[in-house]
Amino acid sequence: MNWGIWIAGLVGFFAGGVGAYAYFSGKMGKISGEIEAARRRAEEQEQARAQAEAQSRAAREAAVRAEAERESAERTLVEARKEREELAVRLQSDFRAVTQQMVTEGTKRLAEDNQKQVGIELRPILDRMEAFRKRVDEVHTAETTLQGDLRRELQQIQAMSTKLGSETHALTSALKNDSGVRGRWGEMVLEKTLEISGLEKGREYRTQESADRKRMDAVVFLPENRAIVIDSKVPLVDYDAYCSATEPADQEKSLKAHGAAVKRFIDDLSGKAYPDLLEGRSLDFTVMFIPIEPAFGAALRANPDLLEYAFNQRIVLTTPSSLMSTLRTIANLWKIERQNKNVQEIARLGGKLHDDLANFCGDLTEVGKALGKAHEAHESAVKKLSEKKGNILGTAEKLRELGAKTEKKLPTMLGNGSE
């Protein structure tokens, strides 16, 4: 066994132990200081913890007290709310009872104290309401009667419409089949147009005027001794065929026939030379009146140069609308003519009035002069009668004073002249 190694090991062990002891002694001292510091910190923390627990207990106790106070306040609030609601119910009930009592008593007093006065004040209103009710009843009765009358009138109108339809159909048939009826109908439309034109029959126009065994439908007079001849023509047969045709070829054929018929009327009217019958009074043309406006339009479609053709024949074509415009213009010309004549008459009468007034003023001047001379003669006579010495009035007054019997006094305005 190698004891040297053991001894060396032991020596080394002890030397290491001493070193370790010294080392660990220093460490232990340091650790002891740290433990002491940790102990002090633990004591401080324990004190802080104890203080915190005390504060926590105080806070919990305060919270318990606050919760108790809150619950007490809530109970108090609930009780106060309940009391307030009960009080409100009691007050409302008491108020309703008092109000009802006041209203009842007030109504009773009003009914007892003011019944007559209220009746007097309400009487006009009640009377008006009664009058209004009666008026409503009257209106209702009148409306019922009116409805009955209106129903009867509607029935009459319906019957008249049916009759008019039959008469219109009969008139249409007669116009198509009888040229005499067409002529008379055209003359009737012409005369109706003249009647509503503003012209006066017999003075500004005449109908069925005859001259040299020719009869003119109408002659319209113009100012300055002029006149216009109007003749009515009713081209209806071919126009009716044109309107009734359904095929384009038939329409074209009837339209051409209608245009030719109007041209024949123009030629026939031109040949009668009506303007020559009025001995220079008529204008140099005759008015051809076509009472059916669409028929005139159809004739223009068939003959676009129809107006020029008629004018070359000394014929002017018109329809109810265009003739009415012409007649209204003539009526205005007559109005202007009468106004001009009135102005001339006013001027003549004004001149005559001026001359008569001048003569009157001259006569009045002479009357003034004569009155002046009469006044002078009057003053001279008065002077002779009352102002001269020994005048007649003075002598007469002395006779009265001497006892002459008199019944009247002499006029004092002349004076009672004295000697």
Protein backbone atom coordinates (compact mmCIF):
# COMPACT_ATOMS: atom_id res chain seq x y z
CA MET A 1 0.00 0.00 0.00
CA ASN A 2 1.36 3.31 -0.90
CA TRP A 3 0.91 5.42 2.15
CA GLY A 4 2.54 8.38 0.58
CA ILE A 5 -0.17 8.64 -1.86
CA TRP A 6 -2.70 8.36 0.94
CA ILE A 7 -0.93 10.96 2.97
CA ALA A 8 -0.58 13.26 0.06
CA GLY A 9 -4.22 12.71 -0.64
CA LEU A 10 -5.15 13.47 2.92
CA VAL A 11 -2.96 16.51 2.98
CA GLY A 12 -4.50 17.62 -0.22
CA PHE A 13 -7.93 16.81 1.14
CA PHE A 14 -7.35 18.80 4.30
CA ALA A 15 -5.75 21.62 2.40
CA GLY A 16 -8.72 21.64 0.08
CA GLY A 17 -11.06 21.39 3.04
CA VAL A 18 -9.39 24.37 4.68
CA GLY A 19 -9.63 26.31 1.48
CA ALA A 20 -13.15 25.21 1.02
CA TYR A 21 -13.94 26.15 4.61
CA ALA A 22 -12.41 29.54 4.12
CA TYR A 23 -14.28 29.89 0.88
CA PHE A 24 -17.56 28.67 2.27
CA SER A 25 -17.08 30.73 5.45
CA GLY A 26 -16.98 33.85 3.34
CA LYS A 27 -20.00 32.63 1.42
CA MET A 28 -21.86 31.80 4.61
CA GLY A 29 -21.21 35.25 5.97
CA LYS A 30 -22.56 36.74 2.83
CA ILE A 31 -25.50 34.37 2.84
CA SER A 32 -26.20 35.18 6.47
CA GLY A 33 -26.33 38.85 5.57
CA GLU A 34 -28.66 38.12 2.75
CA ILE A 35 -30.80 35.94 5.00
CA GLU A 36 -30.95 38.73 7.55
CA ALA A 37 -31.96 41.18 4.84
CA ALA A 38 -34.52 38.71 3.57
CA ARG A 39 -35.81 38.26 7.10
CA ARG A 40 -36.19 42.00 7.51
CA ARG A 41 -37.96 42.21 4.16
CA ALA A 42 -40.20 39.35 5.17
CA GLU A 43 -41.02 41.14 8.39
CA GLU A 44 -41.78 44.32 6.45
CA GLN A 45 -43.90 42.34 4.00
CA GLU A 46 -45.65 40.66 6.89
CA GLN A 47 -46.34 44.04 8.41
CA ALA A 48 -47.58 45.32 5.03
CA ARG A 49 -49.68 42.17 4.62
CA ALA A 50 -51.11 42.61 8.10
CA GLN A 51 -51.79 46.25 7.36
CA ALA A 52 -53.40 45.30 4.01
CA GLU A 53 -55.52 42.67 5.71
CA ALA A 54 -56.58 45.25 8.26
CA GLN A 55 -57.45 47.67 5.48
CA SER A 56 -59.24 44.87 3.59
CA ARG A 57 -61.23 44.00 6.68
CA ALA A 58 -62.09 47.68 7.11
CA ALA A 59 -63.09 47.90 3.43
CA ARG A 60 -65.20 44.74 3.72
CA GLU A 61 -66.84 46.10 6.80
CA ALA A 62 -67.48 49.44 5.01
CA ALA A 63 -68.89 47.54 2.02
CA VAL A 64 -71.17 45.55 4.31
CA ARG A 65 -72.31 48.75 5.95
CA ALA A 66 -72.82 50.42 2.52
CA GLU A 67 -74.82 47.41 1.26
CA ALA A 68 -76.93 47.54 4.38
CA GLU A 69 -77.45 51.26 3.91
CA ARG A 70 -78.30 50.72 0.20
CA GLU A 71 -80.84 48.03 1.04
CA SER A 72 -82.29 50.30 3.70
CA ALA A 73 -82.46 53.20 1.21
CA GLU A 74 -84.13 50.97 -1.40
CA ARG A 75 -86.69 49.83 1.14
CA THR A 76 -87.27 53.46 2.09
CA LEU A 77 -87.59 54.45 -1.61
CA VAL A 78 -90.05 51.63 -2.32
CA GLU A 79 -92.11 52.60 0.67
CA ALA A 80 -91.99 56.30 -0.35
CA ARG A 81 -93.03 55.44 -3.94
CA LYS A 82 -95.87 53.30 -2.65
CA GLU A 83 -97.00 56.06 -0.33
CA ARG A 84 -96.76 58.59 -3.19
CA GLU A 85 -98.86 56.39 -5.49
CA GLU A 86 -101.41 55.84 -2.77
CA LEU A 87 -101.45 59.58 -2.10
CA ALA A 88 -101.88 60.31 -5.84
CA VAL A 89 -104.78 57.87 -6.02
CA ARG A 90 -106.40 59.46 -3.00
CA LEU A 91 -105.82 62.99 -4.38
CA GLN A 92 -107.22 62.02 -7.80
CA SER A 93 -110.24 60.43 -6.22
CA ASP A 94 -110.76 63.45 -3.97
CA PHE A 95 -110.27 65.85 -6.90
CA ARG A 96 -112.71 63.92 -9.08
CA ALA A 97 -115.26 63.93 -6.29
CA VAL A 98 -114.80 67.65 -5.63
CA THR A 99 -114.90 68.47 -9.36
CA GLN A 100 -118.00 66.38 -9.90
CA GLN A 101 -119.64 68.07 -6.96
CA MET A 102 -118.68 71.52 -8.25
CA VAL A 103 -119.93 70.72 -11.77
CA THR A 104 -123.15 69.28 -10.42
CA GLU A 105 -123.73 72.24 -8.16
CA GLY A 106 -122.72 74.73 -10.88
CA THR A 107 -124.97 73.08 -13.44
CA LYS A 108 -127.81 73.01 -10.98
CA ARG A 109 -127.34 76.68 -10.11
CA LEU A 110 -127.01 77.58 -13.81
CA ALA A 111 -130.16 75.67 -14.62
CA GLU A 112 -131.99 77.25 -11.72
CA ASP A 113 -130.70 80.82 -12.01
CA ASN A 114 -130.24 81.32 -15.79
CA GLN A 115 -132.79 79.07 -17.42
CA LYS A 116 -134.90 81.94 -18.73
CA GLN A 117 -131.90 84.00 -19.85
CA VAL A 118 -130.33 81.06 -21.65
CA GLY A 119 -133.64 80.34 -23.34
CA ILE A 120 -133.81 83.95 -24.54
CA GLU A 121 -130.23 83.90 -25.85
CA LEU A 122 -130.62 80.54 -27.56
CA ARG A 123 -133.97 81.34 -29.10
CA PRO A 124 -132.51 83.07 -32.23
CA ILE A 125 -130.17 80.14 -32.78
CA LEU A 126 -132.98 77.65 -32.35
CA ASP A 127 -135.15 79.69 -34.70
CA ARG A 128 -132.39 79.75 -37.32
CA MET A 129 -131.87 76.01 -36.91
CA GLU A 130 -135.58 75.45 -37.39
CA ALA A 131 -135.57 77.71 -40.44
CA PHE A 132 -132.54 75.84 -41.76
CA ARG A 133 -134.30 72.52 -41.22
CA LYS A 134 -137.34 73.80 -43.09
CA ARG A 135 -135.09 75.07 -45.88
CA VAL A 136 -133.40 71.67 -46.09
CA ASP A 137 -136.82 70.03 -46.31
CA GLU A 138 -137.83 72.50 -49.02
CA VAL A 139 -134.62 71.88 -50.96
CA HIS A 140 -135.11 68.14 -50.63
CA THR A 141 -138.68 68.46 -51.86
CA ALA A 142 -137.59 70.75 -54.69
CA GLU A 143 -134.76 68.38 -55.59
CA THR A 144 -137.16 65.45 -55.67
CA THR A 145 -139.51 67.45 -57.88
CA LEU A 146 -136.59 68.57 -60.05
CA GLN A 147 -135.39 65.01 -60.45
CA GLY A 148 -138.87 64.01 -61.56
CA ASP A 149 -139.01 66.94 -63.98
CA LEU A 150 -135.51 66.15 -65.22
CA ARG A 151 -136.45 62.52 -65.74
CA ARG A 152 -139.49 63.57 -67.75
CA GLU A 153 -137.43 66.05 -69.76
CA LEU A 154 -134.82 63.38 -70.47
CA GLN A 155 -137.58 61.09 -71.67
CA GLN A 156 -138.90 63.90 -73.87
CA ILE A 157 -135.39 64.58 -75.18
CA GLN A 158 -134.95 60.90 -75.92
CA ALA A 159 -138.26 60.86 -77.77
CA MET A 160 -137.29 64.05 -79.62
CA SER A 161 -133.90 62.54 -80.47
CA THR A 162 -135.59 59.48 -81.90
CA LYS A 163 -137.98 61.69 -83.84
CA LEU A 164 -135.12 63.91 -84.99
CA GLY A 165 -133.20 60.87 -86.17
CA SER A 166 -136.21 59.77 -88.22
CA GLU A 167 -136.69 63.28 -89.57
CA THR A 168 -132.98 63.57 -90.38
CA HIS A 169 -133.11 60.30 -92.27
CA ALA A 170 -136.19 61.52 -94.13
CA LEU A 171 -134.51 64.87 -94.86
CA THR A 172 -131.38 63.12 -96.13
CA SER A 173 -133.45 60.97 -98.44
CA ALA A 174 -135.40 63.99 -99.67
CA LEU A 175 -132.22 66.02 -100.25
CA LYS A 176 -130.70 63.21 -102.28
CA ASN A 177 -133.78 62.48 -104.35
CA ASP A 178 -135.48 65.87 -104.84
CA SER A 179 -133.60 68.83 -106.34
CA GLY A 180 -136.40 71.19 -105.27
CA VAL A 181 -135.98 70.16 -101.64
CA ARG A 182 -132.21 70.63 -101.94
CA GLY A 183 -132.72 74.12 -103.33
CA ARG A 184 -135.12 75.18 -100.59
CA TRP A 185 -132.83 73.73 -97.92
CA GLY A 186 -129.86 75.66 -99.29
CA GLU A 187 -131.92 78.88 -99.32
CA MET A 188 -132.96 78.23 -95.72
CA VAL A 189 -129.32 77.80 -94.60
CA LEU A 190 -128.40 80.99 -96.48
CA GLU A 191 -131.19 82.98 -94.83
CA LYS A 192 -130.23 81.66 -91.38
CA THR A 193 -126.64 82.75 -92.00
CA LEU A 194 -127.87 86.22 -92.98
CA GLU A 195 -130.05 86.47 -89.87
CA ILE A 196 -127.16 85.88 -87.47
CA SER A 197 -124.65 88.01 -89.37
CA GLY A 198 -125.65 91.31 -87.74
CA LEU A 199 -127.28 92.70 -90.88
CA GLU A 200 -130.87 93.96 -90.73
CA LYS A 201 -133.31 92.34 -93.13
CA GLY A 202 -135.13 94.78 -95.40
CA ARG A 203 -132.55 97.52 -94.83
CA GLU A 204 -129.18 95.85 -95.44
CA TYR A 205 -130.29 92.72 -97.28
CA ARG A 206 -133.34 91.23 -98.96
CA THR A 207 -134.15 87.64 -99.92
CA GLN A 208 -135.95 86.23 -102.96
CA GLU A 209 -135.34 89.43 -104.92
CA SER A 210 -136.72 89.37 -108.48
CA ALA A 211 -135.59 91.31 -111.54
CA ASP A 212 -136.30 90.72 -115.25
CA ARG A 213 -138.13 87.46 -114.48
CA LYS A 214 -135.10 86.13 -112.59
CA ARG A 215 -135.13 85.41 -108.89
CA MET A 216 -132.04 85.97 -106.75
CA ASP A 217 -131.77 84.09 -103.44
CA ALA A 218 -130.39 87.14 -101.62
CA VAL A 219 -129.13 90.65 -102.31
CA VAL A 220 -126.83 92.24 -99.71
CA PHE A 221 -126.55 96.02 -99.88
CA LEU A 222 -123.31 97.90 -99.31
CA PRO A 223 -122.62 101.55 -98.45
CA GLU A 224 -122.44 104.01 -101.36
CA ASN A 225 -125.39 102.32 -103.12
CA ARG A 226 -123.61 99.07 -103.98
CA ALA A 227 -124.86 95.46 -103.68
CA ILE A 228 -123.83 91.78 -103.83
CA VAL A 229 -125.95 88.96 -105.24
CA ILE A 230 -125.81 85.61 -103.39
CA ASP A 231 -127.19 82.37 -104.82
CA SER A 232 -127.28 79.02 -103.01
CA LYS A 233 -126.26 75.76 -104.69
CA VAL A 234 -126.35 72.29 -103.08
CA PRO A 235 -124.13 69.75 -104.90
CA LEU A 236 -125.13 66.72 -102.83
CA VAL A 237 -125.86 63.66 -105.00
CA ASP A 238 -122.34 62.85 -106.19
CA TYR A 239 -120.83 64.00 -102.90
CA ASP A 240 -123.09 61.57 -101.00
CA ALA A 241 -122.03 58.80 -103.37
CA TYR A 242 -118.39 59.72 -102.72
CA CYS A 243 -118.91 59.56 -98.95
CA SER A 244 -120.79 56.26 -99.18
CA ALA A 245 -118.30 54.53 -101.48
CA THR A 246 -116.07 51.89 -99.91
CA GLU A 247 -113.83 51.07 -102.87
CA PRO A 248 -111.10 53.54 -103.89
CA ALA A 249 -112.14 53.33 -107.53
CA ASP A 250 -115.74 54.19 -106.68
CA GLN A 251 -114.58 57.05 -104.47
CA GLU A 252 -112.41 58.46 -107.26
CA LYS A 253 -115.25 58.20 -109.77
CA SER A 254 -117.77 59.89 -107.45
CA LEU A 255 -115.25 62.61 -106.53
CA LYS A 256 -114.70 63.50 -110.19
CA ALA A 257 -118.46 63.54 -110.78
CA HIS A 258 -118.89 65.84 -107.77
CA GLY A 259 -116.23 68.24 -109.08
CA ALA A 260 -117.91 68.29 -112.49
CA ALA A 261 -121.30 69.01 -110.86
CA VAL A 262 -119.87 72.03 -109.01
CA LYS A 263 -118.41 73.31 -112.28
CA ARG A 264 -121.83 73.00 -113.93
CA PHE A 265 -123.35 75.05 -111.09
CA ILE A 266 -120.68 77.72 -111.67
CA ASP A 267 -121.37 77.81 -115.40
CA ASP A 268 -125.13 77.98 -114.85
CA LEU A 269 -124.84 80.81 -112.31
CA SER A 270 -122.43 82.74 -114.52
CA GLY A 271 -124.87 82.52 -117.42
CA LYS A 272 -127.61 84.24 -115.41
CA ALA A 273 -125.53 87.45 -115.21
CA TYR A 274 -127.15 88.62 -111.97
CA PRO A 275 -124.87 91.70 -111.57
CA ASP A 276 -126.34 93.14 -114.79
CA LEU A 277 -129.84 93.06 -113.31
CA LEU A 278 -129.09 95.66 -110.62
CA GLU A 279 -128.36 98.50 -113.05
CA GLY A 280 -124.76 99.12 -112.07
CA ARG A 281 -125.31 98.84 -108.34
CA SER A 282 -123.91 95.30 -108.02
CA LEU A 283 -120.25 94.46 -107.76
CA ASP A 284 -118.91 92.67 -110.82
CA PHE A 285 -119.35 89.16 -109.42
CA THR A 286 -121.93 86.79 -107.90
CA VAL A 287 -121.42 84.88 -104.65
CA MET A 288 -122.15 81.15 -104.97
CA PHE A 289 -123.03 79.76 -101.54
CA ILE A 290 -122.35 76.05 -100.89
CA PRO A 291 -123.98 75.23 -97.51
CA ILE A 292 -122.01 71.97 -97.00
CA GLU A 293 -118.39 72.77 -96.06
CA PRO A 294 -117.00 69.23 -96.68
CA ALA A 295 -118.66 69.20 -100.12
CA PHE A 296 -116.76 72.38 -101.00
CA GLY A 297 -113.50 70.80 -99.79
CA ALA A 298 -114.16 67.68 -101.85
CA ALA A 299 -114.79 69.82 -104.95
CA LEU A 300 -111.41 71.54 -104.42
CA ARG A 301 -109.71 68.12 -104.19
CA ALA A 302 -111.36 67.11 -107.44
CA ASN A 303 -110.52 70.46 -109.12
CA PRO A 304 -107.51 72.20 -107.50
CA ASP A 305 -107.99 75.17 -109.87
CA LEU A 306 -111.69 75.49 -109.03
CA LEU A 307 -111.40 78.93 -107.34
CA GLU A 308 -109.56 80.40 -110.32
CA TYR A 309 -112.06 78.81 -112.71
CA ALA A 310 -114.97 80.31 -110.79
CA PHE A 311 -113.33 83.75 -110.56
CA ASN A 312 -112.87 83.81 -114.32
CA GLN A 313 -116.62 83.22 -114.56
CA ARG A 314 -117.24 86.21 -112.20
CA ILE A 315 -118.23 83.78 -109.41
CA VAL A 316 -116.90 83.79 -105.83
CA LEU A 317 -117.33 80.48 -103.96
CA THR A 318 -118.25 80.61 -100.26
CA THR A 319 -119.31 78.29 -97.45
CA PRO A 320 -121.17 79.15 -94.22
CA SER A 321 -117.93 80.06 -92.40
CA SER A 322 -116.40 82.21 -95.15
CA LEU A 323 -119.75 83.85 -95.98
CA MET A 324 -120.27 84.69 -92.31
CA SER A 325 -116.89 86.45 -92.22
CA THR A 326 -117.84 88.44 -95.31
CA LEU A 327 -121.25 89.39 -93.93
CA ARG A 328 -119.76 90.46 -90.58
CA THR A 329 -117.32 92.68 -92.47
CA ILE A 330 -120.23 94.24 -94.37
CA ALA A 331 -122.11 94.76 -91.08
CA ASN A 332 -119.07 96.61 -89.72
CA LEU A 333 -118.94 98.73 -92.88
CA TRP A 334 -122.56 99.72 -92.28
CA LYS A 335 -121.76 100.54 -88.67
CA ILE A 336 -118.90 102.79 -89.77
CA GLU A 337 -121.17 104.36 -92.39
CA ARG A 338 -123.81 105.12 -89.78
CA GLN A 339 -121.18 106.53 -87.45
CA ASN A 340 -119.91 108.78 -90.23
CA LYS A 341 -123.44 109.95 -90.94
CA ASN A 342 -123.96 110.55 -87.23
CA VAL A 343 -120.77 112.60 -87.12
CA GLN A 344 -121.99 114.67 -90.06
CA GLU A 345 -125.39 115.12 -88.44
CA ILE A 346 -123.74 116.10 -85.17
CA ALA A 347 -121.63 118.66 -87.02
CA ARG A 348 -124.72 120.03 -88.79
CA LEU A 349 -126.73 120.21 -85.57
CA GLY A 350 -123.74 121.77 -83.78
CA GLY A 351 -123.48 124.49 -86.41
CA LYS A 352 -127.20 125.15 -86.26
CA LEU A 353 -127.07 125.26 -82.46
CA HIS A 354 -124.20 127.75 -82.63
CA ASP A 355 -126.13 129.99 -85.04
CA ASP A 356 -129.29 129.80 -82.94
CA LEU A 357 -127.28 130.63 -79.82
CA ALA A 358 -125.69 133.61 -81.57
CA ASN A 359 -129.14 134.87 -82.60
CA PHE A 360 -130.43 134.36 -79.06
CA CYS A 361 -127.49 136.27 -77.59
CA GLY A 362 -128.19 139.12 -80.04
CA ASP A 363 -131.85 139.19 -79.05
CA LEU A 364 -130.89 139.03 -75.38
CA THR A 365 -128.59 142.02 -75.86
CA GLU A 366 -131.45 143.97 -77.42
CA VAL A 367 -133.70 142.96 -74.53
CA GLY A 368 -131.06 144.28 -72.13
CA LYS A 369 -130.91 147.55 -73.96
CA ALA A 370 -134.73 147.81 -73.92
CA LEU A 371 -134.78 147.02 -70.21
CA GLY A 372 -132.19 149.74 -69.62
CA LYS A 373 -134.31 152.29 -71.45
CA ALA A 374 -137.41 151.12 -69.55
CA HIS A 375 -135.52 151.54 -66.27
CA GLU A 376 -134.54 155.07 -67.20
CA ALA A 377 -138.15 155.90 -68.13
CA HIS A 378 -139.31 154.33 -64.86
CA GLU A 379 -136.94 156.45 -62.78
CA SER A 380 -138.02 159.58 -64.66
CA ALA A 381 -141.70 158.80 -64.01
CA VAL A 382 -141.03 158.16 -60.31
CA LYS A 383 -139.25 161.46 -59.99
CA LYS A 384 -142.13 163.26 -61.64
CA LEU A 385 -144.62 161.46 -59.42
CA SER A 386 -142.97 161.86 -56.04
CA GLU A 387 -139.91 164.07 -56.02
CA LYS A 388 -140.85 167.32 -57.76
CA LYS A 389 -142.42 170.20 -55.86
CA GLY A 390 -146.20 169.93 -55.76
CA ASN A 391 -146.08 166.33 -56.98
CA ILE A 392 -149.17 164.17 -57.19
CA LEU A 393 -148.29 161.87 -54.28
CA GLY A 394 -147.71 164.79 -51.94
CA THR A 395 -151.03 166.35 -52.86
CA ALA A 396 -152.86 163.04 -52.38
CA GLU A 397 -151.30 162.57 -48.94
CA LYS A 398 -152.40 166.06 -47.86
CA LEU A 399 -155.96 165.27 -48.97
CA ARG A 400 -155.87 162.18 -46.75
CA GLU A 401 -154.60 164.22 -43.85
CA LEU A 402 -157.37 166.76 -44.39
CA GLY A 403 -159.97 164.02 -43.95
CA ALA A 404 -160.44 162.46 -47.36
CA LYS A 405 -161.84 158.96 -46.97
CA THR A 406 -159.32 156.37 -48.24
CA GLU A 407 -159.13 152.56 -48.09
CA LYS A 408 -155.56 151.98 -49.22
CA LYS A 409 -152.23 153.49 -48.40
CA LEU A 410 -149.93 154.89 -50.97
CA PRO A 411 -146.81 152.74 -51.55
CA THR A 412 -144.02 153.88 -49.27
CA MET A 413 -141.28 152.72 -51.63
CA LEU A 414 -142.16 155.58 -53.94
CA GLY A 415 -141.98 158.03 -51.11
CA ASN A 416 -144.76 160.37 -50.13
CA GLY A 417 -143.44 163.48 -51.71
CA SER A 418 -143.98 166.72 -49.88
CA GLU A 419 -143.87 170.29 -50.91
